[in-house]
Amino acid sequence: MALDGTVISCMAWELNHALAGGKINKIAQPEKDELMLTIKNNRKQYRLLVSASASLPLVYLTDQNKTGPMTAPNFCMLLRKHIGSGRILRIWQPGMERILNMEIEHLNELGDICRKLLIIELMGKHSNIIFCQEDGMILDSIKHVSAQVSSVREVLPGRMYFIPETQHKYDPQTITEEEFFSSVCQKPMPLSKAIYTTLTGISPLIAEELCHRSNLESDQSANSFQEIEQIHLFHTLKRMMEDLETHAFTPNIVYDGKVPLEYAAFLLTQYQDMHTETYDTMSEVLERYYAEKNTITRIRQKSSDLRRIVQTALDRSRKKYDLQKRQLKDTEKRDKFRIYGELLNTYGYEAVPGSRELSAVNYYTGETVKIPLDPTLTAQENAKKYFDRYGKLKRTYEALEHLIKETKEEIQHLESISTALDIALNEEDLVQVKEELTQYGYIRRKYTGKRVKITSKPFHYLSSDGYDIYVGKNNYQNEELTFKFATGNDWWFHAKAAPGSHVIVKAGQGLPPDRTFEEAARLAAWYSSHRGADKVEVDYVEKKQVKKVNGGKPGFVIYHTNYSMVIDSDISGIRQVKEK
């Protein structure tokens, strides 16, 4: 989700608490639309990252340093000249706008005390960082906006700064009950949309949350609710605004399994069935959320070529499989031709020369059948013709059975590689997948004289009862885990009839408790093509019962006398041991 007014309010309180009274020590501009301020306050050093990126505007405190270029850009030089040693007086949010104002005190060339404003606008593609005089006159901005770019407001040196009002919205902190009823509750649109299009700083996520807390359907028309429901919704909004005014924030991230889904300054009751992690500061939330999101996005981009190769091969194999199945269906009449030939050999003497059919009793079923004949051929020649057709279809059937088995195995192999690409978290995880695609001819090998370096390792988890659980990330790791790493008494888990990871529980000397079995099964469900499903059937068996398929692809196994359980794929409570 984007930064909204509630998150900005939390961030304003957090930054004001940490930085007010602090001295600006360093100013850097690592990117063309990004600032890094180093501030010393209360014997501590803080780094404030401010980004006016159109795609990802952000502001948060971080421990990570970002250095600027050797030659500082003009905007950075201007800030250094004016506020390079300035003192931050306060940081605040005007209303519920997605704006942070930083008031800074400094000495000018004459030694007089002056004040400046650093205004951080976090408004998507309109984001900007604007440096102003105390009276609001713009000195400069990290992005210049001329009249040709915007007819609403110019952002140029010498112009006066103001917050543009492109559409009238109410401040949710000051809106009255009458205004709420006449504006939000009278709109002929879904309730959640009526909320976020009418109130400043309320995002679609928070609008949905308000509806959920009020037990109202968010997609029902706003003007269809009864007065008692409207009153309940208004008071729910006011309670949230009271929490905002008293700084009763609970910065949190909602996870869908291991994937960060949403973040907010308040707990999101609409996601109460998902795992939520709370943090001390909104800075931690923003840094972690976007770091994890960026990791997922980056690995998706890096794996896009591999995904395209796998998908193309899958589409081709599935089409071939469908064609082969149709051809196999055509061979089902082969036995009919054999019976025709046998009956003609038996009863052919009854056939009248030149006749087009012969009625005969099928001695396999006792039924009378009519056998079509070629009138230009004798009964024996017609029998030979049917036997030839039978032989051809039989050979086709035998060949197709083998080809269909090969094609099905190829589809399963490619689906397992596709699942491995979904599991991959970094570039190292992609190396083995690419090597497998190369080994099986989907990618042409480039001979560089260098051996492929494999650094990726299986996931390592620790169960609630202290048992080590290992999860393969791809077919090669599955093969190694099952047949080289695991011992006979260890337990092996896999999602039933679905591509996915081999999961190994190191049993030691005794039988692991039920809770460990359930956690291992959840891992097998999550790291499979059924990821995210509420009910997944998982097979589990002692490792000694698992056998490798002769001549099979890596990671493909057979097993018997297994147990099964149906379980969800939520792994949020299982502790992962980080790779060293």
Protein backbone atom coordinates (compact mmCIF):
# COMPACT_ATOMS: atom_id res chain seq x y z
CA MET A 1 0.00 0.00 0.00
CA ALA A 2 1.06 3.64 -0.39
CA LEU A 3 1.79 5.98 2.49
CA ASP A 4 -1.47 7.49 3.68
CA GLY A 5 -2.33 10.17 6.23
CA THR A 6 -2.44 7.74 9.17
CA VAL A 7 1.05 6.39 8.43
CA ILE A 8 2.40 9.93 7.89
CA SER A 9 0.88 10.98 11.24
CA CYS A 10 2.66 8.11 12.96
CA MET A 11 5.90 8.99 11.17
CA ALA A 12 5.58 12.71 12.06
CA TRP A 13 5.20 11.87 15.75
CA GLU A 14 8.09 9.39 15.58
CA LEU A 15 10.45 11.78 13.77
CA ASN A 16 9.54 14.72 15.98
CA HIS A 17 10.18 12.60 19.08
CA ALA A 18 13.59 11.43 17.79
CA LEU A 19 14.90 14.46 15.88
CA ALA A 20 13.43 17.64 17.43
CA GLY A 21 16.33 19.62 18.90
CA GLY A 22 18.87 17.67 16.86
CA LYS A 23 21.65 19.16 14.75
CA ILE A 24 22.00 18.34 11.06
CA ASN A 25 25.49 16.95 10.60
CA LYS A 26 25.56 15.75 6.99
CA ILE A 27 23.42 16.13 3.89
CA ALA A 28 23.81 13.79 0.91
CA GLN A 29 21.81 13.24 -2.26
CA PRO A 30 22.44 9.58 -3.22
CA GLU A 31 19.87 9.64 -6.04
CA LYS A 32 18.41 12.46 -8.11
CA ASP A 33 15.16 12.35 -6.07
CA GLU A 34 16.51 11.20 -2.71
CA LEU A 35 18.14 12.78 0.37
CA MET A 36 20.06 11.27 3.27
CA LEU A 37 20.27 13.52 6.36
CA THR A 38 22.56 12.61 9.26
CA ILE A 39 21.35 14.18 12.52
CA LYS A 40 22.87 14.15 15.99
CA ASN A 41 20.50 14.41 18.93
CA ASN A 42 20.66 13.34 22.58
CA ARG A 43 24.12 11.81 22.05
CA LYS A 44 22.78 9.58 19.28
CA GLN A 45 23.23 9.68 15.54
CA TYR A 46 20.21 9.25 13.26
CA ARG A 47 20.04 8.78 9.51
CA LEU A 48 16.88 10.03 7.81
CA LEU A 49 16.19 8.75 4.31
CA VAL A 50 13.80 10.87 2.25
CA SER A 51 12.75 9.71 -1.21
CA ALA A 52 10.55 11.65 -3.62
CA SER A 53 10.54 8.80 -6.12
CA ALA A 54 7.37 8.77 -8.22
CA SER A 55 7.09 5.01 -7.87
CA LEU A 56 8.12 4.68 -4.22
CA PRO A 57 8.09 7.86 -2.08
CA LEU A 58 9.40 7.15 1.40
CA VAL A 59 10.66 8.71 4.60
CA TYR A 60 12.08 6.75 7.53
CA LEU A 61 14.98 6.46 9.97
CA THR A 62 17.55 3.83 9.05
CA ASP A 63 20.86 2.40 10.19
CA GLN A 64 21.98 1.91 6.59
CA ASN A 65 24.12 4.67 5.12
CA LYS A 66 23.89 5.79 1.50
CA THR A 67 26.67 7.94 0.13
CA GLY A 68 26.16 10.61 -2.48
CA PRO A 69 28.11 11.21 -5.70
CA MET A 70 31.55 12.83 -5.68
CA THR A 71 30.06 16.06 -7.02
CA ALA A 72 26.96 17.01 -5.10
CA PRO A 73 23.87 18.13 -7.11
CA ASN A 74 22.80 21.78 -6.91
CA PHE A 75 19.86 21.09 -4.56
CA CYS A 76 22.13 19.26 -2.13
CA MET A 77 24.68 22.10 -2.24
CA LEU A 78 21.94 24.64 -1.50
CA LEU A 79 20.76 22.66 1.54
CA ARG A 80 24.34 22.34 2.81
CA LYS A 81 24.83 26.09 2.44
CA HIS A 82 21.70 27.03 4.39
CA ILE A 83 21.01 24.24 6.89
CA GLY A 84 24.24 22.20 6.88
CA SER A 85 24.61 22.82 10.61
CA GLY A 86 21.01 23.74 11.33
CA ARG A 87 18.93 22.61 14.28
CA ILE A 88 15.60 20.89 13.78
CA LEU A 89 12.90 22.65 15.79
CA ARG A 90 9.92 20.47 15.01
CA ILE A 91 8.40 18.12 12.47
CA TRP A 92 4.65 18.09 11.85
CA GLN A 93 1.93 17.02 9.45
CA PRO A 94 -0.53 19.63 8.14
CA GLY A 95 -3.98 18.14 8.74
CA MET A 96 -4.11 14.62 7.37
CA GLU A 97 -2.16 15.46 4.25
CA ARG A 98 0.61 13.18 2.97
CA ILE A 99 3.09 15.90 3.83
CA LEU A 100 5.80 16.35 6.48
CA ASN A 101 7.04 19.82 7.39
CA MET A 102 10.47 20.15 9.00
CA GLU A 103 11.21 23.53 10.61
CA ILE A 104 14.96 24.19 10.83
CA GLU A 105 16.81 26.98 12.63
CA HIS A 106 20.23 28.15 11.38
CA LEU A 107 22.58 31.13 11.25
CA ASN A 108 22.87 33.18 8.06
CA GLU A 109 26.02 34.85 6.69
CA LEU A 110 25.59 37.74 9.12
CA GLY A 111 25.21 35.45 12.13
CA ASP A 112 21.50 36.14 12.53
CA ILE A 113 19.14 33.34 13.48
CA CYS A 114 16.89 32.32 10.58
CA ARG A 115 14.31 29.63 10.03
CA LYS A 116 13.65 27.54 6.96
CA LEU A 117 11.12 24.86 6.02
CA LEU A 118 11.96 21.55 4.40
CA ILE A 119 8.67 20.23 3.04
CA ILE A 120 8.43 16.53 2.13
CA GLU A 121 5.45 15.72 -0.09
CA LEU A 122 4.75 11.99 -0.37
CA MET A 123 2.08 11.98 -3.06
CA GLY A 124 2.94 9.25 -5.56
CA LYS A 125 3.99 10.70 -8.92
CA HIS A 126 3.58 14.23 -7.49
CA SER A 127 6.10 13.60 -4.66
CA ASN A 128 8.66 16.32 -4.05
CA ILE A 129 11.10 17.77 -1.53
CA ILE A 130 10.71 21.55 -1.34
CA PHE A 131 13.00 24.00 0.50
CA CYS A 132 11.31 27.25 1.57
CA GLN A 133 11.80 30.48 3.47
CA GLU A 134 9.90 30.81 6.73
CA ASP A 135 7.21 32.83 4.93
CA GLY A 136 6.70 30.01 2.36
CA MET A 137 8.68 31.41 -0.58
CA ILE A 138 10.32 28.51 -2.43
CA LEU A 139 14.13 28.61 -2.55
CA ASP A 140 14.44 25.39 -4.54
CA SER A 141 13.04 21.87 -4.89
CA ILE A 142 14.41 18.49 -5.80
CA LYS A 143 11.95 18.46 -8.73
CA HIS A 144 11.00 21.61 -10.62
CA VAL A 145 7.37 21.80 -11.74
CA SER A 146 6.60 24.47 -14.33
CA ALA A 147 3.25 25.74 -15.59
CA GLN A 148 3.68 23.53 -18.67
CA VAL A 149 3.82 20.48 -16.38
CA SER A 150 1.09 21.45 -13.91
CA SER A 151 -1.69 23.99 -14.31
CA VAL A 152 -2.53 23.69 -10.61
CA ARG A 153 0.74 24.76 -8.99
CA GLU A 154 4.23 25.76 -10.04
CA VAL A 155 7.10 24.55 -7.85
CA LEU A 156 9.95 26.87 -8.83
CA PRO A 157 12.36 29.18 -6.95
CA GLY A 158 10.66 32.49 -6.12
CA ARG A 159 7.12 31.11 -6.11
CA MET A 160 5.03 30.90 -2.94
CA TYR A 161 4.40 27.42 -1.60
CA PHE A 162 0.86 26.19 -1.02
CA ILE A 163 -0.87 22.83 -0.73
CA PRO A 164 -2.92 22.26 -3.89
CA GLU A 165 -6.60 21.46 -3.45
CA THR A 166 -7.47 19.68 -6.67
CA GLN A 167 -10.59 18.18 -5.08
CA HIS A 168 -12.42 19.17 -1.93
CA LYS A 169 -12.04 16.66 0.86
CA TYR A 170 -12.90 16.75 4.54
CA ASP A 171 -10.32 16.41 7.29
CA PRO A 172 -11.32 13.22 9.18
CA GLN A 173 -10.01 14.78 12.40
CA THR A 174 -12.41 17.74 12.26
CA ILE A 175 -15.36 16.49 10.19
CA THR A 176 -18.69 16.81 12.01
CA GLU A 177 -21.39 14.19 12.20
CA GLU A 178 -23.67 16.22 9.91
CA GLU A 179 -20.90 16.69 7.32
CA PHE A 180 -20.10 12.99 7.45
CA PHE A 181 -23.73 11.98 6.87
CA SER A 182 -24.26 14.50 4.05
CA SER A 183 -21.01 13.70 2.23
CA VAL A 184 -19.87 10.12 2.81
CA CYS A 185 -23.23 8.50 3.53
CA GLN A 186 -25.13 10.00 0.60
CA LYS A 187 -22.83 8.86 -2.22
CA PRO A 188 -24.17 6.22 -4.65
CA MET A 189 -20.94 4.21 -4.64
CA PRO A 190 -19.37 1.41 -2.56
CA LEU A 191 -18.97 2.48 1.07
CA SER A 192 -15.18 2.05 1.20
CA LYS A 193 -14.76 4.17 -1.94
CA ALA A 194 -17.09 6.84 -0.54
CA ILE A 195 -14.86 7.04 2.55
CA TYR A 196 -11.49 7.37 0.84
CA THR A 197 -12.74 9.74 -1.87
CA THR A 198 -14.30 12.07 0.70
CA LEU A 199 -11.77 12.12 3.56
CA THR A 200 -8.21 13.42 3.33
CA GLY A 201 -5.42 10.98 4.13
CA ILE A 202 -7.63 7.87 4.23
CA SER A 203 -6.37 5.15 1.89
CA PRO A 204 -8.52 2.32 0.44
CA LEU A 205 -6.91 -0.02 3.01
CA ILE A 206 -7.95 2.14 5.99
CA ALA A 207 -11.38 2.65 4.44
CA GLU A 208 -11.80 -1.14 4.29
CA GLU A 209 -10.61 -1.35 7.89
CA LEU A 210 -13.20 1.19 9.04
CA CYS A 211 -15.93 -0.82 7.31
CA HIS A 212 -14.69 -4.05 8.89
CA ARG A 213 -14.54 -2.53 12.38
CA SER A 214 -18.09 -1.24 11.88
CA ASN A 215 -19.34 -4.65 10.64
CA LEU A 216 -20.53 -3.04 7.39
CA GLU A 217 -20.15 -4.43 3.86
CA SER A 218 -17.53 -2.29 2.12
CA ASP A 219 -18.89 -2.99 -1.37
CA GLN A 220 -22.49 -2.03 -0.48
CA SER A 221 -23.64 1.39 -1.66
CA ALA A 222 -22.95 4.10 0.92
CA ASN A 223 -26.44 5.60 0.61
CA SER A 224 -28.16 2.29 1.40
CA PHE A 225 -27.27 2.07 5.10
CA GLN A 226 -29.62 2.87 7.95
CA GLU A 227 -29.01 5.82 10.25
CA ILE A 228 -27.88 3.60 13.18
CA GLU A 229 -25.22 2.04 10.91
CA GLN A 230 -24.06 5.47 9.71
CA ILE A 231 -23.71 6.65 13.32
CA HIS A 232 -21.72 3.53 14.20
CA LEU A 233 -19.37 4.11 11.25
CA PHE A 234 -18.84 7.76 12.21
CA HIS A 235 -17.95 6.87 15.80
CA THR A 236 -15.58 4.15 14.56
CA LEU A 237 -13.80 6.82 12.49
CA LYS A 238 -13.64 9.16 15.49
CA ARG A 239 -12.15 6.44 17.70
CA MET A 240 -9.42 5.89 15.12
CA MET A 241 -8.74 9.64 14.99
CA GLU A 242 -8.55 9.72 18.80
CA ASP A 243 -5.92 6.97 18.67
CA LEU A 244 -4.08 9.06 16.10
CA GLU A 245 -4.22 12.21 18.23
CA THR A 246 -3.03 10.37 21.35
CA HIS A 247 -0.30 8.60 19.33
CA ALA A 248 -1.70 5.15 20.20
CA PHE A 249 0.03 3.62 17.19
CA THR A 250 0.84 -0.03 16.60
CA PRO A 251 3.14 -0.16 13.55
CA ASN A 252 2.72 -3.58 11.93
CA ILE A 253 3.15 -5.69 8.82
CA VAL A 254 0.60 -8.31 7.74
CA TYR A 255 2.13 -11.42 6.15
CA ASP A 256 0.55 -13.88 3.78
CA GLY A 257 2.80 -16.79 4.72
CA LYS A 258 6.26 -15.28 4.31
CA VAL A 259 5.19 -12.60 1.84
CA PRO A 260 4.53 -9.09 3.25
CA LEU A 261 0.98 -8.15 2.25
CA GLU A 262 0.15 -4.82 3.92
CA TYR A 263 1.44 -2.42 6.57
CA ALA A 264 -0.33 0.13 8.73
CA ALA A 265 -0.04 2.35 11.78
CA PHE A 266 -2.98 0.54 13.42
CA LEU A 267 -3.73 -3.16 13.75
CA LEU A 268 -5.74 -4.38 10.77
CA THR A 269 -8.63 -6.47 12.09
CA GLN A 270 -9.67 -7.34 8.53
CA TYR A 271 -6.58 -9.59 8.35
CA GLN A 272 -6.98 -11.23 11.76
CA ASP A 273 -6.68 -14.70 10.19
CA MET A 274 -3.21 -13.85 8.85
CA HIS A 275 0.08 -13.45 10.68
CA THR A 276 0.83 -9.92 11.88
CA GLU A 277 4.20 -8.70 13.17
CA THR A 278 4.29 -5.54 15.26
CA TYR A 279 7.26 -3.18 15.52
CA ASP A 280 8.40 -0.40 17.82
CA THR A 281 8.61 2.21 15.06
CA MET A 282 7.07 2.94 11.69
CA SER A 283 10.60 3.35 10.32
CA GLU A 284 11.27 -0.33 11.00
CA VAL A 285 8.01 -1.23 9.28
CA LEU A 286 8.74 0.78 6.13
CA GLU A 287 12.35 -0.33 5.86
CA ARG A 288 11.55 -4.02 6.34
CA TYR A 289 8.37 -4.04 4.24
CA TYR A 290 9.94 -2.42 1.19
CA ALA A 291 13.21 -4.33 1.57
CA GLU A 292 11.27 -7.62 1.49
CA LYS A 293 9.01 -6.41 -1.29
CA ASN A 294 12.00 -5.25 -3.32
CA THR A 295 13.68 -8.62 -2.82
CA ILE A 296 10.61 -10.42 -4.17
CA THR A 297 10.27 -7.96 -7.07
CA ARG A 298 13.97 -8.17 -7.93
CA ILE A 299 14.03 -11.97 -7.93
CA ARG A 300 10.88 -11.98 -10.09
CA GLN A 301 12.66 -9.76 -12.60
CA LYS A 302 15.83 -11.87 -12.49
CA SER A 303 13.86 -15.08 -13.00
CA SER A 304 11.61 -13.73 -15.77
CA ASP A 305 13.76 -15.22 -18.57
CA LEU A 306 13.79 -18.61 -16.86
CA ARG A 307 10.04 -18.45 -16.28
CA ARG A 308 9.45 -17.68 -19.95
CA ILE A 309 11.59 -20.68 -21.00
CA VAL A 310 9.75 -22.98 -18.58
CA GLN A 311 6.30 -21.68 -19.56
CA THR A 312 7.02 -22.03 -23.28
CA ALA A 313 8.22 -25.61 -22.78
CA LEU A 314 5.20 -26.36 -20.58
CA ASP A 315 2.74 -25.01 -23.15
CA ARG A 316 4.39 -27.07 -25.89
CA SER A 317 4.40 -30.24 -23.77
CA ARG A 318 0.77 -29.84 -22.71
CA LYS A 319 -0.35 -29.40 -26.32
CA LYS A 320 1.66 -32.48 -27.28
CA TYR A 321 0.12 -34.42 -24.39
CA ASP A 322 -3.43 -33.48 -25.45
CA LEU A 323 -2.70 -34.51 -29.05
CA GLN A 324 -1.21 -37.83 -27.95
CA LYS A 325 -4.25 -38.54 -25.75
CA ARG A 326 -6.59 -37.92 -28.69
CA GLN A 327 -4.49 -40.20 -30.90
CA LEU A 328 -4.57 -42.85 -28.18
CA LYS A 329 -8.36 -42.66 -28.08
CA ASP A 330 -8.42 -43.38 -31.81
CA THR A 331 -6.62 -46.70 -31.20
CA GLU A 332 -9.40 -47.99 -28.92
CA LYS A 333 -11.16 -49.64 -31.92
CA ARG A 334 -8.14 -51.87 -32.70
CA ASP A 335 -9.66 -54.94 -30.98
CA LYS A 336 -12.80 -54.57 -33.07
CA PHE A 337 -10.70 -54.96 -36.25
CA ARG A 338 -8.95 -58.03 -34.79
CA ILE A 339 -12.29 -59.66 -34.02
CA TYR A 340 -13.54 -58.84 -37.54
CA GLY A 341 -10.48 -60.57 -38.98
CA GLU A 342 -10.92 -63.64 -36.77
CA LEU A 343 -14.63 -63.92 -37.57
CA LEU A 344 -13.95 -63.63 -41.30
CA ASN A 345 -11.38 -66.43 -41.05
CA THR A 346 -14.02 -68.53 -39.28
CA TYR A 347 -17.19 -67.66 -41.18
CA GLY A 348 -15.77 -66.30 -44.44
CA TYR A 349 -17.05 -69.26 -46.41
CA GLU A 350 -20.57 -67.90 -45.84
CA ALA A 351 -19.79 -64.62 -47.56
CA VAL A 352 -21.42 -64.21 -50.95
CA PRO A 353 -18.90 -62.90 -53.53
CA GLY A 354 -19.44 -59.16 -54.12
CA SER A 355 -21.43 -58.66 -50.90
CA ARG A 356 -20.82 -55.54 -48.77
CA GLU A 357 -21.28 -57.10 -45.31
CA LEU A 358 -21.35 -60.38 -43.45
CA SER A 359 -23.46 -61.19 -40.37
CA ALA A 360 -21.67 -63.49 -37.93
CA VAL A 361 -21.94 -64.51 -34.28
CA ASN A 362 -19.17 -63.04 -32.11
CA TYR A 363 -18.10 -66.12 -30.16
CA TYR A 364 -16.58 -63.84 -27.43
CA THR A 365 -19.91 -62.23 -26.54
CA GLY A 366 -22.53 -64.38 -28.32
CA GLU A 367 -23.88 -61.29 -30.13
CA THR A 368 -24.45 -61.06 -33.86
CA VAL A 369 -22.25 -58.45 -35.55
CA LYS A 370 -22.31 -57.08 -39.08
CA ILE A 371 -18.84 -56.95 -40.63
CA PRO A 372 -18.37 -54.36 -43.43
CA LEU A 373 -16.69 -55.91 -46.52
CA ASP A 374 -14.89 -54.58 -49.57
CA PRO A 375 -16.89 -56.21 -52.39
CA THR A 376 -13.81 -56.28 -54.64
CA LEU A 377 -11.92 -58.51 -52.19
CA THR A 378 -12.40 -62.08 -51.03
CA ALA A 379 -13.27 -62.93 -47.41
CA GLN A 380 -9.63 -63.89 -46.69
CA GLU A 381 -8.38 -60.64 -48.25
CA ASN A 382 -10.88 -58.65 -46.16
CA ALA A 383 -9.66 -60.53 -43.05
CA LYS A 384 -6.04 -59.66 -43.89
CA LYS A 385 -7.03 -56.02 -44.35
CA TYR A 386 -8.60 -55.96 -40.87
CA PHE A 387 -5.58 -57.70 -39.31
CA ASP A 388 -3.28 -55.12 -40.95
CA ARG A 389 -5.35 -52.27 -39.51
CA TYR A 390 -5.32 -53.97 -36.11
CA GLY A 391 -1.54 -54.39 -36.22
CA LYS A 392 -0.99 -50.77 -37.19
CA LEU A 393 -3.24 -49.46 -34.39
CA LYS A 394 -1.63 -51.83 -31.89
CA ARG A 395 1.84 -50.53 -32.76
CA THR A 396 0.54 -46.96 -32.54
CA TYR A 397 -1.04 -47.70 -29.15
CA GLU A 398 2.20 -49.18 -27.76
CA ALA A 399 4.27 -46.27 -29.07
CA LEU A 400 1.79 -43.69 -27.73
CA GLU A 401 1.70 -45.30 -24.28
CA HIS A 402 5.46 -44.82 -24.04
CA LEU A 403 5.34 -41.28 -25.51
CA ILE A 404 2.48 -40.21 -23.23
CA LYS A 405 4.39 -41.44 -20.20
CA GLU A 406 7.47 -39.48 -21.32
CA THR A 407 5.42 -36.33 -22.01
CA LYS A 408 3.63 -36.56 -18.66
CA GLU A 409 6.99 -36.92 -16.87
CA GLU A 410 8.30 -33.92 -18.80
CA ILE A 411 5.28 -31.84 -17.73
CA GLN A 412 5.75 -32.90 -14.09
CA HIS A 413 9.44 -32.05 -14.34
CA LEU A 414 8.74 -28.60 -15.78
CA GLU A 415 6.03 -27.95 -13.18
CA SER A 416 8.52 -28.82 -10.43
CA ILE A 417 11.01 -26.32 -11.93
CA SER A 418 8.27 -23.69 -12.10
CA THR A 419 7.55 -24.26 -8.40
CA ALA A 420 11.28 -23.96 -7.65
CA LEU A 421 11.25 -20.54 -9.35
CA ASP A 422 8.35 -19.51 -7.09
CA ILE A 423 10.33 -20.64 -4.04
CA ALA A 424 13.58 -18.85 -5.02
CA LEU A 425 14.39 -15.86 -2.81
CA ASN A 426 17.69 -14.65 -4.25
CA GLU A 427 19.90 -14.92 -7.31
CA GLU A 428 21.91 -17.80 -5.79
CA ASP A 429 18.74 -19.90 -5.68
CA LEU A 430 18.31 -19.41 -9.44
CA VAL A 431 21.75 -20.81 -10.31
CA GLN A 432 20.77 -24.45 -9.70
CA VAL A 433 17.45 -24.01 -11.50
CA LYS A 434 19.24 -22.61 -14.54
CA GLU A 435 21.77 -25.45 -14.40
CA GLU A 436 18.94 -28.01 -14.39
CA LEU A 437 17.28 -26.34 -17.38
CA THR A 438 20.64 -26.40 -19.17
CA GLN A 439 21.32 -30.04 -18.32
CA TYR A 440 17.97 -31.12 -19.78
CA GLY A 441 18.37 -29.11 -22.96
CA TYR A 442 15.97 -26.25 -22.38
CA ILE A 443 18.87 -23.77 -22.35
CA ARG A 444 21.91 -24.00 -24.60
CA ARG A 445 25.07 -24.31 -22.54
CA LYS A 446 27.72 -21.65 -23.07
CA TYR A 447 31.21 -23.05 -22.60
CA THR A 448 33.17 -20.43 -20.69
CA GLY A 449 35.69 -22.76 -19.08
CA LYS A 450 34.31 -21.91 -15.63
CA ARG A 451 32.32 -24.30 -13.46
CA VAL A 452 28.99 -23.13 -12.15
CA LYS A 453 29.38 -22.11 -8.51
CA ILE A 454 26.54 -23.35 -6.30
CA THR A 455 26.10 -21.41 -3.05
CA SER A 456 22.37 -21.87 -2.41
CA LYS A 457 21.44 -24.11 0.52
CA PRO A 458 18.13 -25.66 1.63
CA PHE A 459 15.90 -23.76 4.03
CA HIS A 460 16.53 -24.67 7.65
CA TYR A 461 13.73 -24.42 10.21
CA LEU A 462 13.54 -25.31 13.88
CA SER A 463 10.30 -26.85 15.10
CA SER A 464 8.61 -25.71 18.31
CA ASP A 465 9.93 -28.91 19.90
CA GLY A 466 13.53 -28.24 18.82
CA TYR A 467 13.72 -30.60 15.82
CA ASP A 468 15.68 -29.52 12.73
CA ILE A 469 13.59 -29.36 9.56
CA TYR A 470 15.17 -28.92 6.12
CA VAL A 471 13.37 -27.87 2.94
CA GLY A 472 14.77 -28.23 -0.58
CA LYS A 473 14.52 -25.19 -2.84
CA ASN A 474 14.76 -27.08 -6.13
CA ASN A 475 15.02 -30.59 -7.59
CA TYR A 476 18.78 -30.89 -7.04
CA GLN A 477 18.45 -29.90 -3.39
CA ASN A 478 15.49 -32.28 -3.00
CA GLU A 479 17.63 -35.11 -4.37
CA GLU A 480 20.54 -34.31 -2.08
CA LEU A 481 18.38 -33.87 1.02
CA THR A 482 16.55 -37.16 0.56
CA PHE A 483 19.31 -39.47 -0.65
CA LYS A 484 22.53 -37.98 0.76
CA PHE A 485 21.62 -35.93 3.82
CA ALA A 486 18.70 -37.78 5.43
CA THR A 487 19.17 -41.06 7.29
CA GLY A 488 16.76 -44.01 7.39
CA ASN A 489 14.86 -42.98 10.53
CA ASP A 490 14.38 -39.35 9.49
CA TRP A 491 10.90 -38.38 8.29
CA TRP A 492 10.15 -37.29 4.73
CA PHE A 493 7.23 -34.99 3.78
CA HIS A 494 5.80 -33.91 0.42
CA ALA A 495 2.55 -32.36 -0.83
CA LYS A 496 0.47 -35.16 -2.32
CA ALA A 497 0.38 -35.34 -6.14
CA ALA A 498 1.78 -31.81 -6.51
CA PRO A 499 5.16 -30.33 -7.47
CA GLY A 500 6.98 -29.08 -4.40
CA SER A 501 9.85 -29.39 -1.97
CA HIS A 502 11.09 -32.44 -0.11
CA VAL A 503 10.92 -31.72 3.62
CA ILE A 504 13.15 -33.67 5.99
CA VAL A 505 12.70 -33.85 9.78
CA LYS A 506 15.87 -34.99 11.54
CA ALA A 507 14.38 -37.47 13.98
CA GLY A 508 17.47 -38.38 15.99
CA GLN A 509 16.84 -41.42 18.20
CA GLY A 510 13.14 -40.99 18.98
CA LEU A 511 9.84 -40.29 17.27
CA PRO A 512 9.17 -36.53 16.91
CA PRO A 513 5.99 -35.25 18.60
CA ASP A 514 2.79 -34.54 16.68
CA ARG A 515 3.39 -30.78 16.68
CA THR A 516 6.65 -31.23 14.79
CA PHE A 517 4.89 -33.46 12.23
CA GLU A 518 2.24 -30.76 11.73
CA GLU A 519 4.83 -28.01 11.30
CA ALA A 520 6.79 -30.09 8.77
CA ALA A 521 3.55 -30.77 6.88
CA ARG A 522 2.77 -27.04 6.78
CA LEU A 523 6.21 -26.39 5.33
CA ALA A 524 5.64 -29.07 2.68
CA ALA A 525 2.27 -27.47 1.86
CA TRP A 526 3.70 -23.94 1.67
CA TYR A 527 6.69 -24.89 -0.48
CA SER A 528 4.52 -26.52 -3.14
CA SER A 529 2.18 -25.50 -5.93
CA HIS A 530 -0.62 -25.43 -3.29
CA ARG A 531 0.99 -22.50 -1.45
CA GLY A 532 -1.62 -20.38 0.32
CA ALA A 533 -4.37 -23.03 0.25
CA ASP A 534 -6.42 -23.67 3.40
CA LYS A 535 -6.39 -27.46 2.98
CA VAL A 536 -3.46 -29.37 1.50
CA GLU A 537 -2.98 -33.14 1.65
CA VAL A 538 0.59 -34.00 2.63
CA ASP A 539 2.17 -37.46 2.50
CA TYR A 540 4.80 -38.40 5.08
CA VAL A 541 6.85 -41.53 5.61
CA GLU A 542 10.16 -42.62 7.09
CA LYS A 543 12.96 -41.78 4.70
CA LYS A 544 13.98 -45.43 4.31
CA GLN A 545 10.64 -46.06 2.54
CA VAL A 546 11.48 -43.50 -0.17
CA LYS A 547 13.12 -44.86 -3.33
CA LYS A 548 14.55 -43.11 -6.35
CA VAL A 549 12.89 -43.69 -9.72
CA ASN A 550 15.26 -45.60 -12.01
CA GLY A 551 16.36 -43.19 -14.71
CA GLY A 552 14.03 -40.55 -13.31
CA LYS A 553 14.56 -36.81 -13.15
CA PRO A 554 16.28 -35.37 -10.04
CA GLY A 555 13.95 -35.21 -7.04
CA PHE A 556 11.43 -37.72 -8.42
CA VAL A 557 10.75 -40.59 -6.04
CA ILE A 558 8.37 -43.45 -5.25
CA TYR A 559 7.19 -44.55 -1.82
CA HIS A 560 4.69 -46.93 -0.25
CA THR A 561 2.99 -47.45 3.14
CA ASN A 562 2.89 -43.71 3.71
CA TYR A 563 0.73 -41.69 6.10
CA SER A 564 -1.24 -38.58 5.06
CA MET A 565 -2.65 -35.52 6.75
CA VAL A 566 -4.72 -32.58 5.56
CA ILE A 567 -3.40 -29.27 6.85
CA ASP A 568 -3.21 -25.56 6.05
CA SER A 569 -0.15 -23.90 4.55
CA ASP A 570 0.41 -21.23 7.22
CA ILE A 571 4.08 -21.30 8.30
CA SER A 572 4.14 -17.91 10.05
CA GLY A 573 4.82 -19.39 13.48
CA ILE A 574 7.70 -21.69 12.45
CA ARG A 575 11.14 -20.30 13.23
CA GLN A 576 13.59 -20.19 10.36
CA VAL A 577 17.32 -20.59 11.00
CA LYS A 578 19.19 -18.10 8.83
CA GLU A 579 21.83 -19.41 6.44
CA LYS A 580 25.40 -18.57 7.33
